[in-house]
Amino acid sequence: MVRTTRRALLGAAALSAAPGLLRAQAVQRPARIVIGFPPGGSSDVVGRLYAERLRGVYAPQVLVDSRPGAAGRIAVEAVKAAAPDGETILQTPASMLTLQPAVFPRQVRYDALTDLTPVSTVVSFPFALAVPANHPARDFAGFVAWAKTQADIPFASPAAGASPHFLGVMLAKAIGATMTHITYRGAAPAVQDLIAGRLQAFVGVLGDVTPQDGQGLRILAVSAPQRVPRYPSIPTFAELGYPALTKDEWFGMLLPAGAPQPVVTALFDAIRRVAAEPALREALAKLDYEATTSDSPAAFAAKIRREREEWAVVVKESGVTLDD
């Protein structure tokens, strides 16, 4: 039994003055957004920003439930096993759904399109190639020329088997260089080693390197389709002649398979509504994330299917095996 608190009563009073909110609210019990990473990380921050605004719009209360472990797969499996009543929502990075099935085929025990119900993306963000500030390459063309003189270039990414790892593999192939991936547990230690000169290249989330750009490191290119408005001086791989390196990461929200269509529609509408709020967009922009939503749940499902097929080809051609 859910105990009624003073805050809940105040919230109900506020909602009673806004009938449109009550009509949009599809779940009558508290909902939870399950996240596969520890509190304090980017997934947690994004989840809390959305949870705060989905409260009273989608459900009377929306909480964040961290289920870290197995590179995010524990959270996916928890939502897969949950009741399809709309009270359990998965928020996950794209790679859990589109890349890891190819990288860890024996460990991934879910299918995003049959075990879950895709609803919408909620944010997107590009990757970046960065080098130490004292690197001989002053720009991307210089990096390509330098790379071709090296027998092997160790490069880092935040985690083995994640999107930046394989974007680095794609980069090496595109420029005709040999690059060996160095595994780190998270972006912070990798960026520290890059600044210290113990690494010569880093491929990771743009927001992980922008605070040090021009100081301890230099960002040479981003994987976004167009230049990022906050960093107009950083070129894209596409404009530099490498359109295949146009890749972004997104976080998406999904429900368990079998979720009723009215609930799916209600969550989709609620996500679209709160994603348009200037305060949310501003908060995400400070993380170098963009609030982005799908055109429809069906369009989101099609995106997952398409990207899963694309990454499967990349992984196969790379010859990288990470499964136990």
C-alpha atoms as a PDB file:
ATOM      1  CA  MET A   1       0.000   0.000   0.000  1.00  0.00           C
ATOM      2  CA  VAL A   2       1.395   3.401  -1.000  1.00  0.00           C
ATOM      3  CA  ARG A   3       1.410   5.868   1.888  1.00  0.00           C
ATOM      4  CA  THR A   4       0.123   9.326   1.016  1.00  0.00           C
ATOM      5  CA  THR A   5       2.664  11.979   1.958  1.00  0.00           C
ATOM      6  CA  ARG A   6       2.268  15.726   2.335  1.00  0.00           C
ATOM      7  CA  ARG A   7       4.273  16.175  -0.844  1.00  0.00           C
ATOM      8  CA  ALA A   8       1.955  13.817  -2.710  1.00  0.00           C
ATOM      9  CA  LEU A   9      -1.085  15.700  -1.449  1.00  0.00           C
ATOM     10  CA  LEU A  10       0.395  18.988  -2.554  1.00  0.00           C
ATOM     11  CA  GLY A  11       1.225  17.476  -5.916  1.00  0.00           C
ATOM     12  CA  ALA A  12      -2.310  16.186  -6.303  1.00  0.00           C
ATOM     13  CA  ALA A  13      -3.668  19.609  -5.483  1.00  0.00           C
ATOM     14  CA  ALA A  14      -1.449  21.170  -8.105  1.00  0.00           C
ATOM     15  CA  LEU A  15      -2.542  18.631 -10.679  1.00  0.00           C
ATOM     16  CA  SER A  16      -6.204  19.195  -9.894  1.00  0.00           C
ATOM     17  CA  ALA A  17      -5.706  22.728 -11.139  1.00  0.00           C
ATOM     18  CA  ALA A  18      -4.348  21.359 -14.418  1.00  0.00           C
ATOM     19  CA  PRO A  19      -6.816  18.824 -15.853  1.00  0.00           C
ATOM     20  CA  GLY A  20      -4.633  18.268 -18.914  1.00  0.00           C
ATOM     21  CA  LEU A  21      -1.932  16.739 -16.733  1.00  0.00           C
ATOM     22  CA  LEU A  22      -4.374  14.371 -15.091  1.00  0.00           C
ATOM     23  CA  ARG A  23      -5.660  13.184 -18.440  1.00  0.00           C
ATOM     24  CA  ALA A  24      -2.107  12.491 -19.634  1.00  0.00           C
ATOM     25  CA  GLN A  25      -1.192  10.476 -16.538  1.00  0.00           C
ATOM     26  CA  ALA A  26      -1.541   6.834 -17.535  1.00  0.00           C
ATOM     27  CA  VAL A  27       0.005   5.073 -14.537  1.00  0.00           C
ATOM     28  CA  GLN A  28      -1.749   5.487 -11.214  1.00  0.00           C
ATOM     29  CA  ARG A  29       1.009   4.011  -9.029  1.00  0.00           C
ATOM     30  CA  PRO A  30       4.633   5.164  -8.647  1.00  0.00           C
ATOM     31  CA  ALA A  31       6.826   4.329 -11.623  1.00  0.00           C
ATOM     32  CA  ARG A  32      10.568   3.719 -11.628  1.00  0.00           C
ATOM     33  CA  ILE A  33      13.219   4.368 -14.232  1.00  0.00           C
ATOM     34  CA  VAL A  34      15.769   1.545 -14.076  1.00  0.00           C
ATOM     35  CA  ILE A  35      19.345   2.503 -14.942  1.00  0.00           C
ATOM     36  CA  GLY A  36      22.281   0.122 -15.308  1.00  0.00           C
ATOM     37  CA  PHE A  37      24.978   2.408 -13.942  1.00  0.00           C
ATOM     38  CA  PRO A  38      25.882   3.802 -10.503  1.00  0.00           C
ATOM     39  CA  PRO A  39      24.363   7.000  -9.080  1.00  0.00           C
ATOM     40  CA  GLY A  40      26.167  10.189 -10.024  1.00  0.00           C
ATOM     41  CA  GLY A  41      27.046   9.186 -13.577  1.00  0.00           C
ATOM     42  CA  SER A  42      25.596  10.658 -16.737  1.00  0.00           C
ATOM     43  CA  SER A  43      22.884   8.003 -17.043  1.00  0.00           C
ATOM     44  CA  ASP A  44      21.763   8.722 -13.491  1.00  0.00           C
ATOM     45  CA  VAL A  45      21.756  12.497 -14.015  1.00  0.00           C
ATOM     46  CA  VAL A  46      19.699  12.232 -17.198  1.00  0.00           C
ATOM     47  CA  GLY A  47      17.300   9.772 -15.556  1.00  0.00           C
ATOM     48  CA  ARG A  48      16.711  12.100 -12.616  1.00  0.00           C
ATOM     49  CA  LEU A  49      16.131  15.104 -14.854  1.00  0.00           C
ATOM     50  CA  TYR A  50      13.425  13.198 -16.714  1.00  0.00           C
ATOM     51  CA  ALA A  51      11.995  11.534 -13.599  1.00  0.00           C
ATOM     52  CA  GLU A  52      11.448  14.893 -11.958  1.00  0.00           C
ATOM     53  CA  ARG A  53       9.450  16.152 -14.909  1.00  0.00           C
ATOM     54  CA  LEU A  54       7.547  12.939 -15.665  1.00  0.00           C
ATOM     55  CA  ARG A  55       6.139  13.042 -12.155  1.00  0.00           C
ATOM     56  CA  GLY A  56       2.492  14.006 -12.365  1.00  0.00           C
ATOM     57  CA  VAL A  57       2.537  13.810 -16.148  1.00  0.00           C
ATOM     58  CA  TYR A  58       3.054  10.083 -16.622  1.00  0.00           C
ATOM     59  CA  ALA A  59       2.732   8.748 -13.068  1.00  0.00           C
ATOM     60  CA  PRO A  60       2.068  10.276  -9.635  1.00  0.00           C
ATOM     61  CA  GLN A  61       5.690   9.640  -8.690  1.00  0.00           C
ATOM     62  CA  VAL A  62       8.699   8.617 -10.767  1.00  0.00           C
ATOM     63  CA  LEU A  63      11.838   7.310  -9.057  1.00  0.00           C
ATOM     64  CA  VAL A  64      15.266   6.325 -10.351  1.00  0.00           C
ATOM     65  CA  ASP A  65      16.344   2.758  -9.600  1.00  0.00           C
ATOM     66  CA  SER A  66      20.050   2.063 -10.158  1.00  0.00           C
ATOM     67  CA  ARG A  67      20.909  -1.531 -11.071  1.00  0.00           C
ATOM     68  CA  PRO A  68      24.622  -1.379 -11.990  1.00  0.00           C
ATOM     69  CA  GLY A  69      26.560  -4.356 -13.256  1.00  0.00           C
ATOM     70  CA  ALA A  70      27.529  -6.339 -16.353  1.00  0.00           C
ATOM     71  CA  ALA A  71      28.101  -3.154 -18.385  1.00  0.00           C
ATOM     72  CA  GLY A  72      24.433  -2.191 -18.022  1.00  0.00           C
ATOM     73  CA  ARG A  73      22.940  -5.553 -18.905  1.00  0.00           C
ATOM     74  CA  ILE A  74      21.586  -6.271 -15.404  1.00  0.00           C
ATOM     75  CA  ALA A  75      19.216  -3.320 -15.697  1.00  0.00           C
ATOM     76  CA  VAL A  76      17.996  -4.438 -19.110  1.00  0.00           C
ATOM     77  CA  GLU A  77      17.296  -7.930 -17.831  1.00  0.00           C
ATOM     78  CA  ALA A  78      15.469  -6.546 -14.775  1.00  0.00           C
ATOM     79  CA  VAL A  79      13.080  -4.596 -16.985  1.00  0.00           C
ATOM     80  CA  LYS A  80      12.690  -7.549 -19.326  1.00  0.00           C
ATOM     81  CA  ALA A  81      11.425  -9.582 -16.330  1.00  0.00           C
ATOM     82  CA  ALA A  82       9.147  -6.837 -14.966  1.00  0.00           C
ATOM     83  CA  ALA A  83       5.381  -6.725 -15.306  1.00  0.00           C
ATOM     84  CA  PRO A  84       4.295  -4.864 -18.465  1.00  0.00           C
ATOM     85  CA  ASP A  85       2.083  -2.447 -16.536  1.00  0.00           C
ATOM     86  CA  GLY A  86       4.011   0.714 -17.343  1.00  0.00           C
ATOM     87  CA  GLU A  87       5.416   1.083 -13.833  1.00  0.00           C
ATOM     88  CA  THR A  88       8.915  -0.097 -14.809  1.00  0.00           C
ATOM     89  CA  ILE A  89      10.840   1.895 -17.422  1.00  0.00           C
ATOM     90  CA  LEU A  90      14.309   1.176 -18.740  1.00  0.00           C
ATOM     91  CA  GLN A  91      16.639   4.044 -19.565  1.00  0.00           C
ATOM     92  CA  THR A  92      19.712   2.726 -21.324  1.00  0.00           C
ATOM     93  CA  PRO A  93      22.519   3.843 -23.625  1.00  0.00           C
ATOM     94  CA  ALA A  94      22.216   2.687 -27.211  1.00  0.00           C
ATOM     95  CA  SER A  95      25.119   0.256 -26.998  1.00  0.00           C
ATOM     96  CA  MET A  96      23.254  -2.051 -24.602  1.00  0.00           C
ATOM     97  CA  LEU A  97      20.708  -2.638 -27.361  1.00  0.00           C
ATOM     98  CA  THR A  98      22.570  -2.133 -30.623  1.00  0.00           C
ATOM     99  CA  LEU A  99      26.230  -3.034 -30.082  1.00  0.00           C
ATOM    100  CA  GLN A 100      26.525  -5.444 -27.177  1.00  0.00           C
ATOM    101  CA  PRO A 101      24.459  -8.189 -28.867  1.00  0.00           C
ATOM    102  CA  ALA A 102      27.275  -8.452 -31.431  1.00  0.00           C
ATOM    103  CA  VAL A 103      30.148  -7.976 -28.981  1.00  0.00           C
ATOM    104  CA  PHE A 104      28.852 -10.305 -26.253  1.00  0.00           C
ATOM    105  CA  PRO A 105      26.546 -12.724 -28.115  1.00  0.00           C
ATOM    106  CA  ARG A 106      26.609 -15.356 -25.356  1.00  0.00           C
ATOM    107  CA  GLN A 107      26.211 -12.907 -22.484  1.00  0.00           C
ATOM    108  CA  VAL A 108      23.372 -10.805 -23.893  1.00  0.00           C
ATOM    109  CA  ARG A 109      20.151 -12.590 -22.980  1.00  0.00           C
ATOM    110  CA  TYR A 110      17.625 -10.132 -24.340  1.00  0.00           C
ATOM    111  CA  ASP A 111      16.379  -8.746 -27.617  1.00  0.00           C
ATOM    112  CA  ALA A 112      15.369  -5.090 -27.555  1.00  0.00           C
ATOM    113  CA  LEU A 113      12.628  -5.633 -30.115  1.00  0.00           C
ATOM    114  CA  THR A 114      11.003  -8.742 -28.660  1.00  0.00           C
ATOM    115  CA  ASP A 115      11.752  -8.619 -24.922  1.00  0.00           C
ATOM    116  CA  LEU A 116      11.173  -4.869 -24.600  1.00  0.00           C
ATOM    117  CA  THR A 117       8.881  -2.198 -26.013  1.00  0.00           C
ATOM    118  CA  PRO A 118      10.828   0.749 -27.459  1.00  0.00           C
ATOM    119  CA  VAL A 119       9.242   4.109 -26.650  1.00  0.00           C
ATOM    120  CA  SER A 120      11.633   6.959 -27.500  1.00  0.00           C
ATOM    121  CA  THR A 121      15.132   8.308 -27.296  1.00  0.00           C
ATOM    122  CA  VAL A 122      15.585  10.972 -24.622  1.00  0.00           C
ATOM    123  CA  VAL A 123      19.043  12.434 -25.283  1.00  0.00           C
ATOM    124  CA  SER A 124      21.809  12.148 -27.840  1.00  0.00           C
ATOM    125  CA  PHE A 125      25.454  13.162 -27.851  1.00  0.00           C
ATOM    126  CA  PRO A 126      28.449  12.758 -30.164  1.00  0.00           C
ATOM    127  CA  PHE A 127      31.887  11.285 -29.683  1.00  0.00           C
ATOM    128  CA  ALA A 128      35.219  13.029 -30.124  1.00  0.00           C
ATOM    129  CA  LEU A 129      38.805  12.246 -31.043  1.00  0.00           C
ATOM    130  CA  ALA A 130      41.225  13.967 -28.665  1.00  0.00           C
ATOM    131  CA  VAL A 131      45.013  14.026 -28.348  1.00  0.00           C
ATOM    132  CA  PRO A 132      47.355  15.475 -25.696  1.00  0.00           C
ATOM    133  CA  ALA A 133      47.913  19.215 -25.886  1.00  0.00           C
ATOM    134  CA  ASN A 134      51.558  18.673 -26.830  1.00  0.00           C
ATOM    135  CA  HIS A 135      50.785  16.183 -29.609  1.00  0.00           C
ATOM    136  CA  PRO A 136      52.577  16.950 -32.902  1.00  0.00           C
ATOM    137  CA  ALA A 137      49.267  16.896 -34.774  1.00  0.00           C
ATOM    138  CA  ARG A 138      47.613  20.287 -34.595  1.00  0.00           C
ATOM    139  CA  ASP A 139      44.486  19.197 -36.482  1.00  0.00           C
ATOM    140  CA  PHE A 140      42.864  16.065 -37.873  1.00  0.00           C
ATOM    141  CA  ALA A 141      44.809  16.172 -41.153  1.00  0.00           C
ATOM    142  CA  GLY A 142      47.986  16.343 -39.113  1.00  0.00           C
ATOM    143  CA  PHE A 143      46.840  13.376 -37.033  1.00  0.00           C
ATOM    144  CA  VAL A 144      46.226  11.296 -40.166  1.00  0.00           C
ATOM    145  CA  ALA A 145      49.669  12.157 -41.535  1.00  0.00           C
ATOM    146  CA  TRP A 146      51.298  11.399 -38.183  1.00  0.00           C
ATOM    147  CA  ALA A 147      49.363   8.136 -37.751  1.00  0.00           C
ATOM    148  CA  LYS A 148      50.655   6.787 -41.043  1.00  0.00           C
ATOM    149  CA  THR A 149      54.219   7.096 -39.752  1.00  0.00           C
ATOM    150  CA  GLN A 150      53.502   5.048 -36.616  1.00  0.00           C
ATOM    151  CA  ALA A 151      53.791   1.274 -36.386  1.00  0.00           C
ATOM    152  CA  ASP A 152      50.960   1.166 -33.854  1.00  0.00           C
ATOM    153  CA  ILE A 153      48.951   3.786 -31.995  1.00  0.00           C
ATOM    154  CA  PRO A 154      47.533   2.869 -28.586  1.00  0.00           C
ATOM    155  CA  PHE A 155      44.179   4.593 -28.140  1.00  0.00           C
ATOM    156  CA  ALA A 156      41.809   4.593 -25.206  1.00  0.00           C
ATOM    157  CA  SER A 157      38.073   4.624 -24.798  1.00  0.00           C
ATOM    158  CA  PRO A 158      35.923   4.521 -21.645  1.00  0.00           C
ATOM    159  CA  ALA A 159      35.205   0.784 -21.899  1.00  0.00           C
ATOM    160  CA  ALA A 160      35.931  -2.256 -24.011  1.00  0.00           C
ATOM    161  CA  GLY A 161      33.067  -3.220 -26.279  1.00  0.00           C
ATOM    162  CA  ALA A 162      31.319   0.149 -26.121  1.00  0.00           C
ATOM    163  CA  SER A 163      30.608   2.448 -29.057  1.00  0.00           C
ATOM    164  CA  PRO A 164      33.776   4.606 -28.688  1.00  0.00           C
ATOM    165  CA  HIS A 165      35.931   1.465 -28.797  1.00  0.00           C
ATOM    166  CA  PHE A 166      34.512   0.458 -32.156  1.00  0.00           C
ATOM    167  CA  LEU A 167      34.452   4.007 -33.461  1.00  0.00           C
ATOM    168  CA  GLY A 168      38.213   3.935 -32.860  1.00  0.00           C
ATOM    169  CA  VAL A 169      38.393   0.685 -34.827  1.00  0.00           C
ATOM    170  CA  MET A 170      36.460   2.354 -37.650  1.00  0.00           C
ATOM    171  CA  LEU A 171      38.765   5.387 -37.479  1.00  0.00           C
ATOM    172  CA  ALA A 172      41.876   3.245 -37.836  1.00  0.00           C
ATOM    173  CA  LYS A 173      40.441   1.503 -40.874  1.00  0.00           C
ATOM    174  CA  ALA A 174      39.294   4.769 -42.446  1.00  0.00           C
ATOM    175  CA  ILE A 175      42.706   6.473 -42.217  1.00  0.00           C
ATOM    176  CA  GLY A 176      44.748   3.361 -42.935  1.00  0.00           C
ATOM    177  CA  ALA A 177      46.529   3.194 -39.591  1.00  0.00           C
ATOM    178  CA  THR A 178      47.126   0.532 -36.955  1.00  0.00           C
ATOM    179  CA  MET A 179      45.491   1.446 -33.647  1.00  0.00           C
ATOM    180  CA  THR A 180      45.351  -0.816 -30.603  1.00  0.00           C
ATOM    181  CA  HIS A 181      42.616  -0.341 -28.037  1.00  0.00           C
ATOM    182  CA  ILE A 182      43.630   0.167 -24.407  1.00  0.00           C
ATOM    183  CA  THR A 183      40.868  -0.707 -21.962  1.00  0.00           C
ATOM    184  CA  TYR A 184      39.956   1.676 -19.163  1.00  0.00           C
ATOM    185  CA  ARG A 185      37.190   1.569 -16.595  1.00  0.00           C
ATOM    186  CA  GLY A 186      35.538   4.849 -17.390  1.00  0.00           C
ATOM    187  CA  ALA A 187      36.534   8.038 -19.159  1.00  0.00           C
ATOM    188  CA  ALA A 188      38.129   9.862 -16.218  1.00  0.00           C
ATOM    189  CA  PRO A 189      41.301   7.731 -15.853  1.00  0.00           C
ATOM    190  CA  ALA A 190      41.746   7.565 -19.624  1.00  0.00           C
ATOM    191  CA  VAL A 191      41.511  11.348 -19.962  1.00  0.00           C
ATOM    192  CA  GLN A 192      43.986  11.772 -17.099  1.00  0.00           C
ATOM    193  CA  ASP A 193      46.494   9.545 -18.883  1.00  0.00           C
ATOM    194  CA  LEU A 194      45.887  11.402 -22.140  1.00  0.00           C
ATOM    195  CA  ILE A 195      46.638  14.751 -20.502  1.00  0.00           C
ATOM    196  CA  ALA A 196      49.741  13.270 -18.877  1.00  0.00           C
ATOM    197  CA  GLY A 197      50.992  12.100 -22.269  1.00  0.00           C
ATOM    198  CA  ARG A 198      50.800   8.401 -21.464  1.00  0.00           C
ATOM    199  CA  LEU A 199      48.296   8.020 -24.317  1.00  0.00           C
ATOM    200  CA  GLN A 200      48.386   9.496 -27.793  1.00  0.00           C
ATOM    201  CA  ALA A 201      44.679   9.314 -28.636  1.00  0.00           C
ATOM    202  CA  PHE A 202      41.308   9.042 -26.942  1.00  0.00           C
ATOM    203  CA  VAL A 203      37.918   8.325 -28.480  1.00  0.00           C
ATOM    204  CA  GLY A 204      35.012   9.011 -26.177  1.00  0.00           C
ATOM    205  CA  VAL A 205      31.975  11.121 -25.369  1.00  0.00           C
ATOM    206  CA  LEU A 206      32.474  14.766 -26.320  1.00  0.00           C
ATOM    207  CA  GLY A 207      31.422  15.971 -22.876  1.00  0.00           C
ATOM    208  CA  ASP A 208      34.213  13.937 -21.265  1.00  0.00           C
ATOM    209  CA  VAL A 209      36.915  16.023 -22.963  1.00  0.00           C
ATOM    210  CA  THR A 210      35.448  19.490 -23.479  1.00  0.00           C
ATOM    211  CA  PRO A 211      36.417  20.733 -19.975  1.00  0.00           C
ATOM    212  CA  GLN A 212      40.117  20.223 -20.821  1.00  0.00           C
ATOM    213  CA  ASP A 213      40.043  21.262 -24.479  1.00  0.00           C
ATOM    214  CA  GLY A 214      42.817  23.736 -25.207  1.00  0.00           C
ATOM    215  CA  GLN A 215      44.506  23.044 -21.888  1.00  0.00           C
ATOM    216  CA  GLY A 216      45.581  19.470 -21.251  1.00  0.00           C
ATOM    217  CA  LEU A 217      44.264  18.102 -24.526  1.00  0.00           C
ATOM    218  CA  ARG A 218      43.091  19.047 -27.992  1.00  0.00           C
ATOM    219  CA  ILE A 219      39.857  17.883 -29.655  1.00  0.00           C
ATOM    220  CA  LEU A 220      40.463  17.180 -33.345  1.00  0.00           C
ATOM    221  CA  ALA A 221      37.024  16.092 -34.583  1.00  0.00           C
ATOM    222  CA  VAL A 222      33.536  15.102 -33.490  1.00  0.00           C
ATOM    223  CA  SER A 223      31.276  12.355 -34.801  1.00  0.00           C
ATOM    224  CA  ALA A 224      28.144  14.550 -34.950  1.00  0.00           C
ATOM    225  CA  PRO A 225      26.357  15.072 -38.297  1.00  0.00           C
ATOM    226  CA  GLN A 226      26.914  18.841 -37.993  1.00  0.00           C
ATOM    227  CA  ARG A 227      29.195  20.987 -35.878  1.00  0.00           C
ATOM    228  CA  VAL A 228      28.116  21.191 -32.259  1.00  0.00           C
ATOM    229  CA  PRO A 229      26.762  24.722 -31.640  1.00  0.00           C
ATOM    230  CA  ARG A 230      28.580  25.062 -28.312  1.00  0.00           C
ATOM    231  CA  TYR A 231      31.898  24.188 -30.002  1.00  0.00           C
ATOM    232  CA  PRO A 232      31.705  25.653 -33.516  1.00  0.00           C
ATOM    233  CA  SER A 233      35.465  25.487 -34.086  1.00  0.00           C
ATOM    234  CA  ILE A 234      35.603  21.670 -33.848  1.00  0.00           C
ATOM    235  CA  PRO A 235      35.061  20.049 -37.280  1.00  0.00           C
ATOM    236  CA  THR A 236      33.048  16.915 -37.892  1.00  0.00           C
ATOM    237  CA  PHE A 237      34.536  13.741 -39.339  1.00  0.00           C
ATOM    238  CA  ALA A 238      32.055  14.051 -42.200  1.00  0.00           C
ATOM    239  CA  GLU A 239      33.245  17.471 -43.319  1.00  0.00           C
ATOM    240  CA  LEU A 240      36.824  16.216 -43.093  1.00  0.00           C
ATOM    241  CA  GLY A 241      35.980  13.533 -45.641  1.00  0.00           C
ATOM    242  CA  TYR A 242      35.020  10.613 -43.375  1.00  0.00           C
ATOM    243  CA  PRO A 243      31.198  10.438 -43.330  1.00  0.00           C
ATOM    244  CA  ALA A 244      31.248   6.794 -42.180  1.00  0.00           C
ATOM    245  CA  LEU A 245      32.520   8.055 -38.821  1.00  0.00           C
ATOM    246  CA  THR A 246      29.297   9.959 -38.198  1.00  0.00           C
ATOM    247  CA  LYS A 247      28.052   8.176 -35.098  1.00  0.00           C
ATOM    248  CA  ASP A 248      26.268   9.317 -31.994  1.00  0.00           C
ATOM    249  CA  GLU A 249      25.160   7.736 -28.764  1.00  0.00           C
ATOM    250  CA  TRP A 250      21.702   8.097 -27.322  1.00  0.00           C
ATOM    251  CA  PHE A 251      19.839   7.131 -24.214  1.00  0.00           C
ATOM    252  CA  GLY A 252      16.424   5.624 -24.817  1.00  0.00           C
ATOM    253  CA  MET A 253      13.441   4.637 -22.710  1.00  0.00           C
ATOM    254  CA  LEU A 254      11.740   1.281 -23.137  1.00  0.00           C
ATOM    255  CA  LEU A 255       9.021  -0.687 -21.374  1.00  0.00           C
ATOM    256  CA  PRO A 256       8.769  -4.456 -20.912  1.00  0.00           C
ATOM    257  CA  ALA A 257       7.357  -6.429 -23.839  1.00  0.00           C
ATOM    258  CA  GLY A 258       3.588  -6.551 -23.836  1.00  0.00           C
ATOM    259  CA  ALA A 259       3.065  -3.067 -22.415  1.00  0.00           C
ATOM    260  CA  PRO A 260      -0.457  -1.884 -23.336  1.00  0.00           C
ATOM    261  CA  GLN A 261      -0.534   0.493 -26.267  1.00  0.00           C
ATOM    262  CA  PRO A 262      -2.259   3.298 -24.287  1.00  0.00           C
ATOM    263  CA  VAL A 263       0.571   3.173 -21.750  1.00  0.00           C
ATOM    264  CA  VAL A 264       3.229   3.215 -24.498  1.00  0.00           C
ATOM    265  CA  THR A 265       1.529   6.192 -26.117  1.00  0.00           C
ATOM    266  CA  ALA A 266       1.181   7.998 -22.791  1.00  0.00           C
ATOM    267  CA  LEU A 267       4.874   7.561 -21.951  1.00  0.00           C
ATOM    268  CA  PHE A 268       5.890   8.630 -25.446  1.00  0.00           C
ATOM    269  CA  ASP A 269       3.715  11.758 -25.255  1.00  0.00           C
ATOM    270  CA  ALA A 270       5.042  12.561 -21.781  1.00  0.00           C
ATOM    271  CA  ILE A 271       8.668  12.216 -22.893  1.00  0.00           C
ATOM    272  CA  ARG A 272       8.072  14.469 -25.887  1.00  0.00           C
ATOM    273  CA  ARG A 273       6.376  17.018 -23.676  1.00  0.00           C
ATOM    274  CA  VAL A 274       9.075  17.262 -21.017  1.00  0.00           C
ATOM    275  CA  ALA A 275      11.913  17.088 -23.575  1.00  0.00           C
ATOM    276  CA  ALA A 276      10.624  20.350 -25.022  1.00  0.00           C
ATOM    277  CA  GLU A 277      10.911  22.201 -21.715  1.00  0.00           C
ATOM    278  CA  PRO A 278      13.617  24.903 -21.899  1.00  0.00           C
ATOM    279  CA  ALA A 279      14.834  24.164 -18.356  1.00  0.00           C
ATOM    280  CA  LEU A 280      15.463  20.508 -19.199  1.00  0.00           C
ATOM    281  CA  ARG A 281      17.176  21.334 -22.466  1.00  0.00           C
ATOM    282  CA  GLU A 282      19.409  23.843 -20.701  1.00  0.00           C
ATOM    283  CA  ALA A 283      20.336  21.358 -17.968  1.00  0.00           C
ATOM    284  CA  LEU A 284      21.232  18.720 -20.564  1.00  0.00           C
ATOM    285  CA  ALA A 285      23.215  21.212 -22.653  1.00  0.00           C
ATOM    286  CA  LYS A 286      25.482  21.787 -19.663  1.00  0.00           C
ATOM    287  CA  LEU A 287      26.411  18.097 -19.963  1.00  0.00           C
ATOM    288  CA  ASP A 288      26.923  18.529 -23.733  1.00  0.00           C
ATOM    289  CA  TYR A 289      23.813  16.425 -24.303  1.00  0.00           C
ATOM    290  CA  GLU A 290      20.867  17.308 -26.496  1.00  0.00           C
ATOM    291  CA  ALA A 291      17.273  16.461 -25.627  1.00  0.00           C
ATOM    292  CA  THR A 292      16.139  14.392 -28.606  1.00  0.00           C
ATOM    293  CA  THR A 293      13.042  12.277 -29.044  1.00  0.00           C
ATOM    294  CA  SER A 294      11.864   9.802 -31.655  1.00  0.00           C
ATOM    295  CA  ASP A 295       9.114  10.559 -34.134  1.00  0.00           C
ATOM    296  CA  SER A 296       7.156   7.582 -32.770  1.00  0.00           C
ATOM    297  CA  PRO A 297       7.746   4.343 -30.850  1.00  0.00           C
ATOM    298  CA  ALA A 298       7.793   2.528 -34.198  1.00  0.00           C
ATOM    299  CA  ALA A 299      10.471   4.898 -35.496  1.00  0.00           C
ATOM    300  CA  PHE A 300      12.549   4.235 -32.369  1.00  0.00           C
ATOM    301  CA  ALA A 301      12.228   0.474 -32.887  1.00  0.00           C
ATOM    302  CA  ALA A 302      13.351   0.906 -36.498  1.00  0.00           C
ATOM    303  CA  LYS A 303      16.361   2.929 -35.320  1.00  0.00           C
ATOM    304  CA  ILE A 304      17.385   0.179 -32.907  1.00  0.00           C
ATOM    305  CA  ARG A 305      17.062  -2.462 -35.629  1.00  0.00           C
ATOM    306  CA  ARG A 306      19.047  -0.404 -38.155  1.00  0.00           C
ATOM    307  CA  GLU A 307      21.877   0.469 -35.769  1.00  0.00           C
ATOM    308  CA  ARG A 308      22.075  -3.091 -34.481  1.00  0.00           C
ATOM    309  CA  GLU A 309      22.623  -4.318 -38.025  1.00  0.00           C
ATOM    310  CA  GLU A 310      25.222  -1.608 -38.727  1.00  0.00           C
ATOM    311  CA  TRP A 311      27.237  -2.341 -35.598  1.00  0.00           C
ATOM    312  CA  ALA A 312      27.108  -6.090 -36.247  1.00  0.00           C
ATOM    313  CA  VAL A 313      28.956  -5.514 -39.523  1.00  0.00           C
ATOM    314  CA  VAL A 314      31.557  -3.302 -37.814  1.00  0.00           C
ATOM    315  CA  VAL A 315      32.191  -5.865 -35.075  1.00  0.00           C
ATOM    316  CA  LYS A 316      32.450  -8.742 -37.544  1.00  0.00           C
ATOM    317  CA  GLU A 317      34.881  -6.893 -39.798  1.00  0.00           C
ATOM    318  CA  SER A 318      37.002  -5.841 -36.814  1.00  0.00           C
ATOM    319  CA  GLY A 319      37.644  -9.411 -35.739  1.00  0.00           C
ATOM    320  CA  VAL A 320      37.421  -8.259 -32.099  1.00  0.00           C
ATOM    321  CA  THR A 321      36.134 -10.962 -29.730  1.00  0.00           C
ATOM    322  CA  LEU A 322      35.251 -10.032 -26.159  1.00  0.00           C
ATOM    323  CA  ASP A 323      32.732 -12.733 -25.210  1.00  0.00           C
ATOM    324  CA  ASP A 324      33.720 -15.253 -22.555  1.00  0.00           C
END
